[in-house]
Amino acid sequence: MVKNIEMQDLKDALDGGRVFALYDNRGPGSYGARHIKGAKLLPVSEVRPENLPSDKGAMLVFY
């Protein structure tokens, strides 16, 4: 299931210890200039199952 979440929801997940994978979907230049700590660079063109965690229950957050 895909859904949009608000920043506060993400903060609550962080504060509550929820484990999730965080992906920055911008280009390498933008990622290199600034990104959320812990985010992995994964441009939209590279979003494929093999580039995601194998845990199918993991919360995936893309920005």
N, C-alpha and C. Protein backbone atom coordinates (compact mmCIF):
# COMPACT_ATOMS: atom_id res chain seq x y z
N MET A 1 0.84 -1.16 0.00
CA MET A 1 0.00 0.00 0.00
C MET A 1 0.89 1.24 0.00
N VAL A 2 0.52 2.22 -0.78
CA VAL A 2 1.25 3.48 -0.85
C VAL A 2 0.36 4.57 -0.27
N LYS A 3 0.94 5.38 0.61
CA LYS A 3 0.18 6.51 1.13
C LYS A 3 1.13 7.65 1.43
N ASN A 4 0.61 8.85 1.36
CA ASN A 4 1.38 10.04 1.72
C ASN A 4 1.31 10.21 3.23
N ILE A 5 2.42 10.65 3.81
CA ILE A 5 2.42 10.94 5.23
C ILE A 5 2.94 12.35 5.44
N GLU A 6 2.57 12.93 6.52
CA GLU A 6 3.03 14.26 6.88
C GLU A 6 4.37 14.15 7.62
N MET A 7 5.10 15.24 7.65
CA MET A 7 6.39 15.26 8.34
C MET A 7 6.23 14.85 9.81
N GLN A 8 5.14 15.28 10.43
CA GLN A 8 4.92 14.93 11.84
C GLN A 8 4.78 13.42 12.00
N ASP A 9 4.14 12.76 11.04
CA ASP A 9 4.00 11.30 11.10
C ASP A 9 5.37 10.63 11.04
N LEU A 10 6.25 11.16 10.20
CA LEU A 10 7.61 10.62 10.10
C LEU A 10 8.37 10.86 11.39
N LYS A 11 8.24 12.05 11.95
CA LYS A 11 8.90 12.36 13.21
C LYS A 11 8.40 11.43 14.32
N ASP A 12 7.09 11.20 14.35
CA ASP A 12 6.53 10.30 15.36
C ASP A 12 7.08 8.89 15.20
N ALA A 13 7.25 8.44 13.95
CA ALA A 13 7.81 7.11 13.70
C ALA A 13 9.25 7.05 14.20
N LEU A 14 10.02 8.11 13.93
CA LEU A 14 11.40 8.17 14.41
C LEU A 14 11.45 8.15 15.94
N ASP A 15 10.64 9.02 16.55
CA ASP A 15 10.63 9.13 18.01
C ASP A 15 10.14 7.85 18.67
N GLY A 16 9.27 7.12 17.99
CA GLY A 16 8.73 5.90 18.55
C GLY A 16 9.58 4.67 18.30
N GLY A 17 10.72 4.87 17.63
CA GLY A 17 11.63 3.76 17.39
C GLY A 17 11.23 2.86 16.23
N ARG A 18 10.28 3.30 15.41
CA ARG A 18 9.86 2.49 14.26
C ARG A 18 11.02 2.37 13.28
N VAL A 19 11.24 1.18 12.81
CA VAL A 19 12.31 0.94 11.85
C VAL A 19 11.76 1.12 10.44
N PHE A 20 12.46 1.88 9.64
CA PHE A 20 12.05 2.10 8.26
C PHE A 20 13.25 2.42 7.41
N ALA A 21 13.08 2.30 6.11
CA ALA A 21 14.14 2.66 5.17
C ALA A 21 13.77 4.00 4.54
N LEU A 22 14.70 4.93 4.53
CA LEU A 22 14.46 6.28 4.02
C LEU A 22 15.25 6.49 2.74
N TYR A 23 14.53 6.89 1.68
CA TYR A 23 15.15 7.06 0.36
C TYR A 23 14.94 8.46 -0.17
N ASP A 24 16.00 9.06 -0.68
CA ASP A 24 15.97 10.36 -1.34
C ASP A 24 15.87 10.09 -2.83
N ASN A 25 14.78 10.51 -3.46
CA ASN A 25 14.55 10.24 -4.87
C ASN A 25 15.02 11.35 -5.79
N ARG A 26 15.73 12.32 -5.26
CA ARG A 26 16.25 13.39 -6.10
C ARG A 26 17.53 12.91 -6.79
N GLY A 27 18.13 13.77 -7.55
CA GLY A 27 19.35 13.39 -8.25
C GLY A 27 20.57 13.46 -7.34
N PRO A 28 21.69 12.91 -7.83
CA PRO A 28 22.93 12.89 -7.03
C PRO A 28 23.41 14.27 -6.59
N GLY A 29 23.23 15.27 -7.44
CA GLY A 29 23.68 16.62 -7.07
C GLY A 29 22.91 17.17 -5.88
N SER A 30 21.60 17.04 -5.91
CA SER A 30 20.76 17.51 -4.80
C SER A 30 21.04 16.71 -3.54
N TYR A 31 21.19 15.40 -3.70
CA TYR A 31 21.48 14.54 -2.56
C TYR A 31 22.83 14.93 -1.94
N GLY A 32 23.81 15.15 -2.79
CA GLY A 32 25.13 15.52 -2.29
C GLY A 32 25.16 16.86 -1.58
N ALA A 33 24.30 17.77 -2.04
CA ALA A 33 24.26 19.10 -1.44
C ALA A 33 23.59 19.07 -0.07
N ARG A 34 22.55 18.25 0.06
CA ARG A 34 21.84 18.18 1.34
C ARG A 34 20.82 17.05 1.28
N HIS A 35 20.76 16.27 2.35
CA HIS A 35 19.76 15.22 2.47
C HIS A 35 19.51 14.93 3.93
N ILE A 36 18.40 14.26 4.20
CA ILE A 36 18.07 13.88 5.57
C ILE A 36 19.06 12.81 6.03
N LYS A 37 19.59 13.00 7.22
CA LYS A 37 20.56 12.05 7.76
C LYS A 37 19.97 10.64 7.74
N GLY A 38 20.72 9.70 7.21
CA GLY A 38 20.30 8.31 7.15
C GLY A 38 19.61 7.93 5.85
N ALA A 39 19.28 8.94 5.02
CA ALA A 39 18.62 8.64 3.75
C ALA A 39 19.62 8.07 2.75
N LYS A 40 19.14 7.15 1.94
CA LYS A 40 19.95 6.58 0.87
C LYS A 40 19.49 7.18 -0.45
N LEU A 41 20.43 7.45 -1.32
CA LEU A 41 20.09 7.96 -2.65
C LEU A 41 19.50 6.83 -3.48
N LEU A 42 18.29 7.05 -4.00
CA LEU A 42 17.65 6.08 -4.87
C LEU A 42 16.76 6.85 -5.85
N PRO A 43 17.34 7.29 -6.97
CA PRO A 43 16.54 8.04 -7.95
C PRO A 43 15.34 7.22 -8.41
N VAL A 44 14.28 7.91 -8.77
CA VAL A 44 13.04 7.26 -9.19
C VAL A 44 13.30 6.21 -10.27
N SER A 45 14.19 6.50 -11.20
CA SER A 45 14.47 5.56 -12.30
C SER A 45 15.10 4.25 -11.81
N GLU A 46 15.58 4.22 -10.57
CA GLU A 46 16.22 3.03 -10.03
C GLU A 46 15.39 2.31 -8.97
N VAL A 47 14.14 2.74 -8.77
CA VAL A 47 13.28 2.08 -7.79
C VAL A 47 12.79 0.77 -8.40
N ARG A 48 13.39 -0.30 -7.94
CA ARG A 48 13.06 -1.66 -8.38
C ARG A 48 13.15 -2.56 -7.15
N PRO A 49 12.43 -3.68 -7.18
CA PRO A 49 12.45 -4.57 -6.01
C PRO A 49 13.85 -4.94 -5.52
N GLU A 50 14.79 -5.16 -6.42
CA GLU A 50 16.13 -5.56 -6.00
C GLU A 50 16.90 -4.45 -5.28
N ASN A 51 16.41 -3.20 -5.38
CA ASN A 51 17.06 -2.08 -4.70
C ASN A 51 16.40 -1.73 -3.37
N LEU A 52 15.41 -2.54 -2.97
CA LEU A 52 14.68 -2.29 -1.73
C LEU A 52 14.97 -3.40 -0.72
N PRO A 53 14.68 -3.15 0.56
CA PRO A 53 14.92 -4.18 1.57
C PRO A 53 14.13 -5.46 1.27
N SER A 54 14.69 -6.58 1.62
CA SER A 54 14.00 -7.85 1.38
C SER A 54 12.85 -8.07 2.35
N ASP A 55 12.83 -7.35 3.46
CA ASP A 55 11.74 -7.45 4.44
C ASP A 55 10.50 -6.79 3.86
N LYS A 56 9.54 -7.60 3.44
CA LYS A 56 8.33 -7.08 2.79
C LYS A 56 7.45 -6.29 3.75
N GLY A 57 7.68 -6.40 5.04
CA GLY A 57 6.90 -5.65 6.02
C GLY A 57 7.53 -4.33 6.40
N ALA A 58 8.69 -4.04 5.84
CA ALA A 58 9.41 -2.81 6.20
C ALA A 58 8.65 -1.59 5.70
N MET A 59 8.68 -0.54 6.50
CA MET A 59 8.11 0.74 6.08
C MET A 59 9.15 1.42 5.20
N LEU A 60 8.75 1.79 4.00
CA LEU A 60 9.63 2.48 3.07
C LEU A 60 9.18 3.92 2.94
N VAL A 61 10.10 4.85 3.12
CA VAL A 61 9.77 6.27 3.04
C VAL A 61 10.60 6.88 1.91
N PHE A 62 9.91 7.49 0.96
CA PHE A 62 10.56 8.14 -0.18
C PHE A 62 10.28 9.63 -0.15
N TYR A 63 11.31 10.42 -0.43
CA TYR A 63 11.08 11.86 -0.56
C TYR A 63 11.90 12.41 -1.70
